N, C-alpha and C. Protein backbone atom coordinates (compact mmCIF):
# COMPACT_ATOMS: atom_id res chain seq x y z
N UNK A 1 -17.98 5.15 -35.16
CA UNK A 1 -17.75 5.17 -33.74
C UNK A 1 -16.83 4.00 -33.38
N UNK A 2 -15.96 4.20 -32.45
CA UNK A 2 -15.10 3.13 -31.95
C UNK A 2 -15.02 3.22 -30.44
N UNK A 3 -14.74 2.09 -29.83
CA UNK A 3 -14.68 2.02 -28.36
C UNK A 3 -13.39 1.32 -27.97
N UNK A 4 -12.71 1.88 -27.00
CA UNK A 4 -11.51 1.28 -26.43
C UNK A 4 -11.75 1.22 -24.93
N UNK A 5 -12.29 0.11 -24.44
CA UNK A 5 -12.62 -0.02 -23.02
C UNK A 5 -12.22 -1.41 -22.54
N UNK A 6 -11.56 -1.44 -21.40
CA UNK A 6 -11.07 -2.68 -20.81
C UNK A 6 -11.59 -2.78 -19.39
N UNK A 7 -12.07 -3.95 -19.01
CA UNK A 7 -12.47 -4.22 -17.63
C UNK A 7 -11.70 -5.45 -17.17
N UNK A 8 -10.95 -5.30 -16.09
CA UNK A 8 -10.13 -6.40 -15.57
C UNK A 8 -10.38 -6.57 -14.07
N UNK A 9 -10.38 -7.82 -13.63
CA UNK A 9 -10.35 -8.14 -12.21
C UNK A 9 -9.21 -9.13 -12.05
N UNK A 10 -8.23 -8.76 -11.24
CA UNK A 10 -7.07 -9.63 -11.08
C UNK A 10 -6.29 -9.29 -9.84
N UNK A 11 -5.14 -9.93 -9.71
CA UNK A 11 -4.27 -9.73 -8.54
C UNK A 11 -3.01 -8.98 -8.95
N UNK A 12 -2.63 -8.04 -8.11
CA UNK A 12 -1.45 -7.21 -8.35
C UNK A 12 -0.20 -8.07 -8.19
N UNK A 13 0.73 -7.97 -9.15
CA UNK A 13 1.93 -8.79 -9.14
C UNK A 13 3.09 -8.20 -8.35
N UNK A 14 3.15 -6.87 -8.24
CA UNK A 14 4.20 -6.18 -7.48
C UNK A 14 3.59 -4.93 -6.86
N UNK A 15 4.20 -4.45 -5.78
CA UNK A 15 3.75 -3.18 -5.21
C UNK A 15 3.84 -2.09 -6.27
N UNK A 16 2.88 -1.16 -6.29
CA UNK A 16 2.92 -0.10 -7.30
C UNK A 16 4.20 0.75 -7.19
N UNK A 17 4.70 1.16 -8.34
CA UNK A 17 5.80 2.11 -8.41
C UNK A 17 5.14 3.47 -8.65
N UNK A 18 5.36 4.40 -7.71
CA UNK A 18 4.72 5.71 -7.80
C UNK A 18 5.79 6.77 -7.99
N UNK A 19 5.56 7.63 -8.98
CA UNK A 19 6.47 8.75 -9.25
C UNK A 19 5.65 10.03 -9.25
N UNK A 20 6.27 11.10 -8.79
CA UNK A 20 5.63 12.41 -8.79
C UNK A 20 6.35 13.30 -9.78
N UNK A 21 5.58 14.02 -10.60
CA UNK A 21 6.11 14.90 -11.61
C UNK A 21 5.84 16.35 -11.24
N UNK A 22 6.08 17.25 -12.18
CA UNK A 22 5.84 18.68 -11.96
C UNK A 22 4.42 18.91 -11.44
N UNK A 23 4.29 19.89 -10.57
CA UNK A 23 3.01 20.29 -9.99
C UNK A 23 2.37 19.16 -9.19
N UNK A 24 3.16 18.19 -8.72
CA UNK A 24 2.65 17.14 -7.85
C UNK A 24 1.83 16.08 -8.53
N UNK A 25 1.89 15.98 -9.85
CA UNK A 25 1.12 14.98 -10.57
C UNK A 25 1.74 13.60 -10.32
N UNK A 26 0.89 12.67 -9.85
CA UNK A 26 1.37 11.33 -9.51
C UNK A 26 1.05 10.34 -10.63
N UNK A 27 1.97 9.38 -10.81
CA UNK A 27 1.77 8.27 -11.74
C UNK A 27 2.14 6.99 -11.01
N UNK A 28 1.24 6.02 -11.03
CA UNK A 28 1.52 4.71 -10.43
C UNK A 28 1.42 3.66 -11.52
N UNK A 29 2.27 2.65 -11.42
CA UNK A 29 2.20 1.54 -12.36
C UNK A 29 2.48 0.24 -11.63
N UNK A 30 1.83 -0.82 -12.09
CA UNK A 30 2.03 -2.15 -11.52
C UNK A 30 1.52 -3.20 -12.49
N UNK A 31 2.05 -4.42 -12.38
CA UNK A 31 1.53 -5.52 -13.20
C UNK A 31 0.31 -6.15 -12.54
N UNK A 32 -0.65 -6.56 -13.37
CA UNK A 32 -1.87 -7.20 -12.88
C UNK A 32 -2.03 -8.54 -13.59
N UNK A 33 -2.28 -9.59 -12.82
CA UNK A 33 -2.47 -10.93 -13.37
C UNK A 33 -3.95 -11.27 -13.41
N UNK A 34 -4.40 -11.73 -14.57
CA UNK A 34 -5.75 -12.29 -14.69
C UNK A 34 -5.58 -13.74 -15.11
N UNK A 35 -6.37 -14.62 -14.53
CA UNK A 35 -6.24 -16.05 -14.82
C UNK A 35 -7.59 -16.66 -15.16
N UNK A 36 -7.53 -17.68 -16.01
CA UNK A 36 -8.72 -18.47 -16.29
C UNK A 36 -8.32 -19.93 -16.32
N UNK A 37 -9.24 -20.78 -15.91
CA UNK A 37 -8.96 -22.21 -15.84
C UNK A 37 -9.95 -22.99 -16.67
N UNK A 38 -9.50 -24.12 -17.18
CA UNK A 38 -10.37 -25.03 -17.92
C UNK A 38 -9.83 -26.45 -17.74
N UNK A 39 -10.67 -27.43 -18.04
CA UNK A 39 -10.26 -28.83 -17.97
C UNK A 39 -9.96 -29.32 -19.38
N UNK A 40 -8.79 -29.93 -19.56
CA UNK A 40 -8.44 -30.46 -20.87
C UNK A 40 -9.10 -31.83 -21.07
N UNK A 41 -8.80 -32.49 -22.20
CA UNK A 41 -9.44 -33.77 -22.52
C UNK A 41 -9.09 -34.87 -21.53
N UNK A 42 -7.94 -34.74 -20.86
CA UNK A 42 -7.54 -35.73 -19.86
C UNK A 42 -8.14 -35.44 -18.48
N UNK A 43 -8.92 -34.36 -18.37
CA UNK A 43 -9.55 -34.00 -17.11
C UNK A 43 -8.66 -33.17 -16.20
N UNK A 44 -7.48 -32.78 -16.69
CA UNK A 44 -6.58 -31.96 -15.88
C UNK A 44 -7.03 -30.49 -15.95
N UNK A 45 -6.92 -29.81 -14.83
CA UNK A 45 -7.24 -28.38 -14.80
C UNK A 45 -6.03 -27.60 -15.28
N UNK A 46 -6.24 -26.80 -16.31
CA UNK A 46 -5.19 -25.97 -16.89
C UNK A 46 -5.53 -24.52 -16.57
N UNK A 47 -4.56 -23.81 -16.01
CA UNK A 47 -4.75 -22.39 -15.69
C UNK A 47 -3.86 -21.56 -16.59
N UNK A 48 -4.45 -20.57 -17.21
CA UNK A 48 -3.73 -19.66 -18.10
C UNK A 48 -3.75 -18.26 -17.48
N UNK A 49 -2.57 -17.66 -17.34
CA UNK A 49 -2.47 -16.33 -16.72
C UNK A 49 -1.97 -15.32 -17.74
N UNK A 50 -2.64 -14.18 -17.81
CA UNK A 50 -2.22 -13.05 -18.63
C UNK A 50 -1.74 -11.94 -17.70
N UNK A 51 -0.67 -11.26 -18.10
CA UNK A 51 -0.15 -10.13 -17.32
C UNK A 51 -0.44 -8.84 -18.05
N UNK A 52 -0.90 -7.85 -17.31
CA UNK A 52 -1.27 -6.54 -17.87
C UNK A 52 -0.48 -5.45 -17.14
N UNK A 53 0.01 -4.48 -17.88
CA UNK A 53 0.71 -3.33 -17.30
C UNK A 53 -0.32 -2.24 -17.02
N UNK A 54 -0.57 -1.95 -15.75
CA UNK A 54 -1.58 -0.97 -15.35
C UNK A 54 -0.89 0.36 -15.06
N UNK A 55 -1.47 1.46 -15.56
CA UNK A 55 -0.96 2.81 -15.31
C UNK A 55 -2.10 3.66 -14.76
N UNK A 56 -1.84 4.34 -13.65
CA UNK A 56 -2.81 5.21 -13.01
C UNK A 56 -2.20 6.60 -12.86
N UNK A 57 -3.01 7.63 -13.00
CA UNK A 57 -2.53 9.00 -12.88
C UNK A 57 -3.29 9.76 -11.79
N UNK A 58 -2.68 10.81 -11.29
CA UNK A 58 -3.25 11.80 -10.37
C UNK A 58 -3.81 11.15 -9.11
N UNK A 59 -5.05 11.47 -8.76
CA UNK A 59 -5.63 10.99 -7.49
C UNK A 59 -5.76 9.47 -7.48
N UNK A 60 -5.98 8.88 -8.63
CA UNK A 60 -6.06 7.43 -8.70
C UNK A 60 -4.72 6.79 -8.33
N UNK A 61 -3.62 7.40 -8.76
CA UNK A 61 -2.28 6.92 -8.40
C UNK A 61 -2.04 7.08 -6.90
N UNK A 62 -2.50 8.17 -6.33
CA UNK A 62 -2.31 8.40 -4.90
C UNK A 62 -3.10 7.39 -4.07
N UNK A 63 -4.30 7.02 -4.52
CA UNK A 63 -5.08 6.00 -3.82
C UNK A 63 -4.36 4.66 -3.91
N UNK A 64 -3.84 4.34 -5.09
CA UNK A 64 -3.12 3.07 -5.26
C UNK A 64 -1.90 3.02 -4.35
N UNK A 65 -1.20 4.13 -4.21
CA UNK A 65 -0.01 4.19 -3.37
C UNK A 65 -0.35 3.80 -1.92
N UNK A 66 -1.55 4.20 -1.46
CA UNK A 66 -1.95 3.96 -0.08
C UNK A 66 -2.63 2.62 0.14
N UNK A 67 -3.28 2.08 -0.89
CA UNK A 67 -4.15 0.91 -0.67
C UNK A 67 -3.76 -0.35 -1.41
N UNK A 68 -2.94 -0.24 -2.45
CA UNK A 68 -2.64 -1.41 -3.29
C UNK A 68 -1.26 -1.96 -2.95
N UNK A 69 -1.20 -3.25 -2.73
CA UNK A 69 0.05 -3.97 -2.45
C UNK A 69 0.06 -5.23 -3.30
N UNK A 70 1.22 -5.86 -3.37
CA UNK A 70 1.34 -7.13 -4.08
C UNK A 70 0.31 -8.11 -3.53
N UNK A 71 -0.42 -8.77 -4.42
CA UNK A 71 -1.43 -9.74 -4.01
C UNK A 71 -2.83 -9.18 -3.88
N UNK A 72 -2.98 -7.85 -3.81
CA UNK A 72 -4.29 -7.23 -3.70
C UNK A 72 -5.12 -7.53 -4.93
N UNK A 73 -6.39 -7.85 -4.73
CA UNK A 73 -7.28 -8.04 -5.86
C UNK A 73 -7.93 -6.69 -6.18
N UNK A 74 -7.88 -6.30 -7.47
CA UNK A 74 -8.45 -5.03 -7.88
C UNK A 74 -9.33 -5.20 -9.11
N UNK A 75 -10.27 -4.29 -9.22
CA UNK A 75 -11.15 -4.15 -10.38
C UNK A 75 -10.69 -2.90 -11.09
N UNK A 76 -10.37 -3.01 -12.37
CA UNK A 76 -9.84 -1.90 -13.15
C UNK A 76 -10.71 -1.68 -14.37
N UNK A 77 -11.02 -0.42 -14.67
CA UNK A 77 -11.68 -0.05 -15.92
C UNK A 77 -10.78 0.99 -16.58
N UNK A 78 -10.50 0.82 -17.85
CA UNK A 78 -9.63 1.76 -18.54
C UNK A 78 -9.61 1.52 -20.02
N UNK A 79 -8.51 1.92 -20.65
CA UNK A 79 -8.37 1.72 -22.09
C UNK A 79 -6.96 1.23 -22.40
N UNK A 80 -6.83 0.57 -23.54
CA UNK A 80 -5.53 0.05 -23.97
C UNK A 80 -4.76 1.15 -24.67
N UNK A 81 -3.50 1.30 -24.29
CA UNK A 81 -2.60 2.25 -24.95
C UNK A 81 -1.32 1.51 -25.29
N UNK A 82 -0.84 1.68 -26.50
CA UNK A 82 0.44 1.11 -26.92
C UNK A 82 1.39 2.25 -27.19
N UNK A 83 2.65 2.05 -26.85
CA UNK A 83 3.66 3.07 -27.10
C UNK A 83 5.00 2.39 -27.33
N UNK A 84 5.94 3.16 -27.83
CA UNK A 84 7.28 2.63 -28.03
C UNK A 84 8.28 3.60 -27.43
N UNK A 85 9.46 3.08 -27.13
CA UNK A 85 10.54 3.90 -26.59
C UNK A 85 11.85 3.24 -26.95
N UNK A 86 12.93 3.98 -26.79
CA UNK A 86 14.26 3.46 -27.06
C UNK A 86 14.94 3.22 -25.72
N UNK A 87 15.41 1.99 -25.49
CA UNK A 87 16.05 1.67 -24.21
C UNK A 87 17.48 2.20 -24.17
N UNK A 88 18.15 1.98 -23.06
CA UNK A 88 19.50 2.54 -22.86
C UNK A 88 20.52 1.99 -23.86
N UNK A 89 20.22 0.84 -24.47
CA UNK A 89 21.11 0.25 -25.46
C UNK A 89 20.75 0.67 -26.89
N UNK A 90 19.77 1.57 -27.02
CA UNK A 90 19.37 2.04 -28.34
C UNK A 90 18.41 1.13 -29.08
N UNK A 91 17.82 0.16 -28.37
CA UNK A 91 16.90 -0.79 -28.99
C UNK A 91 15.46 -0.27 -28.83
N UNK A 92 14.70 -0.31 -29.93
CA UNK A 92 13.30 0.09 -29.87
C UNK A 92 12.51 -0.95 -29.10
N UNK A 93 11.74 -0.50 -28.12
CA UNK A 93 10.89 -1.37 -27.30
C UNK A 93 9.45 -0.93 -27.47
N UNK A 94 8.55 -1.89 -27.43
CA UNK A 94 7.12 -1.62 -27.55
C UNK A 94 6.43 -2.16 -26.31
N UNK A 95 5.45 -1.41 -25.82
CA UNK A 95 4.74 -1.81 -24.61
C UNK A 95 3.26 -1.49 -24.77
N UNK A 96 2.44 -2.38 -24.25
CA UNK A 96 1.00 -2.16 -24.22
C UNK A 96 0.60 -2.02 -22.76
N UNK A 97 -0.14 -0.96 -22.46
CA UNK A 97 -0.53 -0.66 -21.08
C UNK A 97 -2.04 -0.47 -21.01
N UNK A 98 -2.56 -0.64 -19.82
CA UNK A 98 -3.95 -0.32 -19.53
C UNK A 98 -3.94 0.99 -18.76
N UNK A 99 -4.44 2.04 -19.38
CA UNK A 99 -4.54 3.35 -18.75
C UNK A 99 -5.87 3.39 -18.00
N UNK A 100 -5.80 3.21 -16.69
CA UNK A 100 -7.01 3.06 -15.88
C UNK A 100 -7.64 4.41 -15.56
N UNK A 101 -8.96 4.45 -15.63
CA UNK A 101 -9.68 5.64 -15.18
C UNK A 101 -10.59 5.32 -13.99
N UNK A 102 -10.75 4.04 -13.67
CA UNK A 102 -11.51 3.60 -12.50
C UNK A 102 -10.78 2.43 -11.85
N UNK A 103 -10.72 2.45 -10.53
CA UNK A 103 -10.12 1.35 -9.80
C UNK A 103 -10.94 1.10 -8.54
N UNK A 104 -11.16 -0.17 -8.23
CA UNK A 104 -11.82 -0.54 -6.99
C UNK A 104 -10.97 -1.64 -6.36
N UNK A 105 -10.57 -1.43 -5.13
CA UNK A 105 -9.81 -2.45 -4.40
C UNK A 105 -10.81 -3.43 -3.81
N UNK A 106 -10.58 -4.71 -4.08
CA UNK A 106 -11.42 -5.78 -3.53
C UNK A 106 -10.63 -6.45 -2.44
N UNK A 107 -11.25 -6.66 -1.31
CA UNK A 107 -10.51 -7.32 -0.23
C UNK A 107 -11.42 -8.31 0.46
N UNK A 108 -10.79 -9.26 1.09
CA UNK A 108 -11.53 -10.27 1.84
C UNK A 108 -11.67 -9.78 3.27
N UNK A 109 -12.89 -9.78 3.76
CA UNK A 109 -13.15 -9.36 5.14
C UNK A 109 -13.57 -10.58 5.95
N UNK A 110 -13.12 -10.61 7.19
CA UNK A 110 -13.48 -11.70 8.10
C UNK A 110 -14.91 -11.48 8.57
N UNK A 111 -15.78 -12.44 8.33
CA UNK A 111 -17.17 -12.30 8.77
C UNK A 111 -17.32 -12.87 10.18
N UNK A 112 -18.41 -12.54 10.88
CA UNK A 112 -18.61 -13.05 12.23
C UNK A 112 -18.68 -14.57 12.29
N UNK A 113 -19.13 -15.23 11.21
CA UNK A 113 -19.26 -16.69 11.20
C UNK A 113 -17.90 -17.37 11.04
N UNK A 114 -16.84 -16.59 10.73
CA UNK A 114 -15.51 -17.16 10.66
C UNK A 114 -15.04 -17.53 9.27
N UNK A 115 -15.88 -17.33 8.25
CA UNK A 115 -15.42 -17.65 6.90
C UNK A 115 -15.09 -16.35 6.17
N UNK A 116 -14.34 -16.49 5.08
CA UNK A 116 -13.92 -15.32 4.31
C UNK A 116 -15.02 -14.95 3.31
N UNK A 117 -15.47 -13.72 3.36
CA UNK A 117 -16.44 -13.22 2.38
C UNK A 117 -15.76 -12.11 1.59
N UNK A 118 -15.89 -12.17 0.29
CA UNK A 118 -15.24 -11.15 -0.53
C UNK A 118 -16.19 -9.98 -0.69
N UNK A 119 -15.68 -8.80 -0.49
CA UNK A 119 -16.50 -7.61 -0.63
C UNK A 119 -15.68 -6.47 -1.19
N UNK A 120 -16.37 -5.53 -1.79
CA UNK A 120 -15.70 -4.36 -2.34
C UNK A 120 -15.59 -3.31 -1.25
N UNK A 121 -14.48 -2.62 -1.23
CA UNK A 121 -14.28 -1.53 -0.29
C UNK A 121 -14.68 -0.25 -1.02
N UNK A 122 -15.87 0.26 -0.70
CA UNK A 122 -16.42 1.35 -1.49
C UNK A 122 -15.60 2.63 -1.38
N UNK A 123 -14.92 2.86 -0.26
CA UNK A 123 -14.15 4.08 -0.14
C UNK A 123 -12.91 4.08 -1.04
N UNK A 124 -12.58 2.95 -1.63
CA UNK A 124 -11.43 2.88 -2.52
C UNK A 124 -11.82 2.92 -4.00
N UNK A 125 -13.08 3.25 -4.28
CA UNK A 125 -13.51 3.41 -5.66
C UNK A 125 -13.13 4.82 -6.10
N UNK A 126 -12.38 4.91 -7.16
CA UNK A 126 -11.96 6.22 -7.65
C UNK A 126 -12.19 6.26 -9.14
N UNK A 127 -12.90 7.27 -9.59
CA UNK A 127 -13.06 7.54 -11.01
C UNK A 127 -12.23 8.76 -11.31
N UNK A 128 -11.26 8.61 -12.17
CA UNK A 128 -10.38 9.72 -12.53
C UNK A 128 -11.04 10.52 -13.64
N UNK A 129 -11.26 11.83 -13.43
CA UNK A 129 -11.81 12.63 -14.52
C UNK A 129 -10.79 12.74 -15.64
N UNK A 130 -11.26 12.88 -16.88
CA UNK A 130 -10.31 13.00 -17.98
C UNK A 130 -9.46 14.26 -17.82
N UNK A 131 -8.22 14.15 -18.25
CA UNK A 131 -7.31 15.29 -18.18
C UNK A 131 -7.78 16.38 -19.13
N UNK A 132 -7.52 17.62 -18.77
CA UNK A 132 -7.87 18.71 -19.65
C UNK A 132 -7.13 18.55 -20.96
N UNK A 133 -7.88 18.73 -22.05
CA UNK A 133 -7.26 18.62 -23.36
C UNK A 133 -6.96 17.19 -23.75
N UNK A 134 -7.54 16.21 -23.03
CA UNK A 134 -7.26 14.81 -23.35
C UNK A 134 -7.79 14.47 -24.72
N UNK A 135 -7.03 13.71 -25.46
CA UNK A 135 -7.44 13.31 -26.79
C UNK A 135 -8.42 12.17 -26.68
N UNK A 136 -9.26 12.04 -27.70
CA UNK A 136 -10.17 10.91 -27.77
C UNK A 136 -11.47 11.14 -27.03
N UNK A 137 -11.68 12.28 -26.41
CA UNK A 137 -12.95 12.57 -25.76
C UNK A 137 -13.90 13.13 -26.79
N UNK A 138 -14.86 12.34 -27.21
CA UNK A 138 -15.84 12.78 -28.18
C UNK A 138 -17.08 13.18 -27.42
N UNK A 139 -17.36 14.46 -27.37
CA UNK A 139 -18.50 14.96 -26.62
C UNK A 139 -19.72 15.15 -27.51
N UNK A 140 -19.81 14.41 -28.62
CA UNK A 140 -20.93 14.57 -29.51
C UNK A 140 -22.22 14.00 -28.93
N UNK A 141 -22.13 13.23 -27.85
CA UNK A 141 -23.30 12.71 -27.16
C UNK A 141 -23.23 13.12 -25.70
N UNK A 142 -23.45 14.42 -25.39
CA UNK A 142 -23.25 14.90 -24.03
C UNK A 142 -24.16 14.26 -23.00
N UNK A 143 -25.33 13.75 -23.41
CA UNK A 143 -26.24 13.14 -22.45
C UNK A 143 -25.96 11.65 -22.26
N UNK A 144 -25.05 11.10 -23.04
CA UNK A 144 -24.74 9.67 -22.98
C UNK A 144 -23.45 9.46 -22.20
N UNK A 145 -23.52 8.72 -21.12
CA UNK A 145 -22.34 8.37 -20.33
C UNK A 145 -21.78 7.08 -20.89
N UNK A 146 -20.46 6.98 -21.06
CA UNK A 146 -19.83 5.79 -21.62
C UNK A 146 -20.16 4.55 -20.80
N UNK A 147 -20.41 4.71 -19.50
CA UNK A 147 -20.73 3.56 -18.65
C UNK A 147 -22.15 3.07 -18.88
N UNK A 148 -22.96 3.84 -19.59
CA UNK A 148 -24.34 3.45 -19.88
C UNK A 148 -24.43 2.56 -21.11
N UNK A 149 -23.33 2.42 -21.84
CA UNK A 149 -23.36 1.61 -23.05
C UNK A 149 -23.50 0.14 -22.69
N UNK A 150 -24.16 -0.64 -23.51
CA UNK A 150 -24.44 -2.05 -23.17
C UNK A 150 -23.26 -2.97 -23.36
N UNK A 151 -22.08 -2.47 -23.70
CA UNK A 151 -20.92 -3.34 -23.91
C UNK A 151 -19.70 -2.73 -23.33
C-alpha cells in the first residue's frame, strides 16, 4: 500500500489563472506559500518559505475563481504530481504540482469586540469527486474512507 496525500495551509501568491476546456471543464492554478519560523543560535527569527504549485479542476476550480485572490489563506488537501514538458525553446522542463481535491478558504472576520478572529468559511469547502476512470483509485477497501486514515 502507498499513500500520496498532502495537507497545506498557506497564502495564495497570485490570483488564480482559470482556463476552460471542452465541455466546460475548468482548471485553476496558483502558487501557494507556506512558511515556518525558528530562532537561530543568535536568537534571530528565521523564516523559511516554500512555494507550491496548486492545480484545481472542475467545480473546485470554479469556486477558486470566485473566492480566491492573492493573499487569501487557504487549506488544501491533495496529492503530489510531477510532470515534464518541452518549452517553446525545446528545453525539457519538470514541474511538481499539488493536485487538490479539497479546498477551504480561510478568512479573517471582524468580531463585535473589534479584534480579528480567524475562521473557516464553511460554504467554500469543496471536495472534488474523483474523475471517472481516474488512475490510482484503489477500491479494495470500499468501507474505508481515505480521510479516516490516521496519517
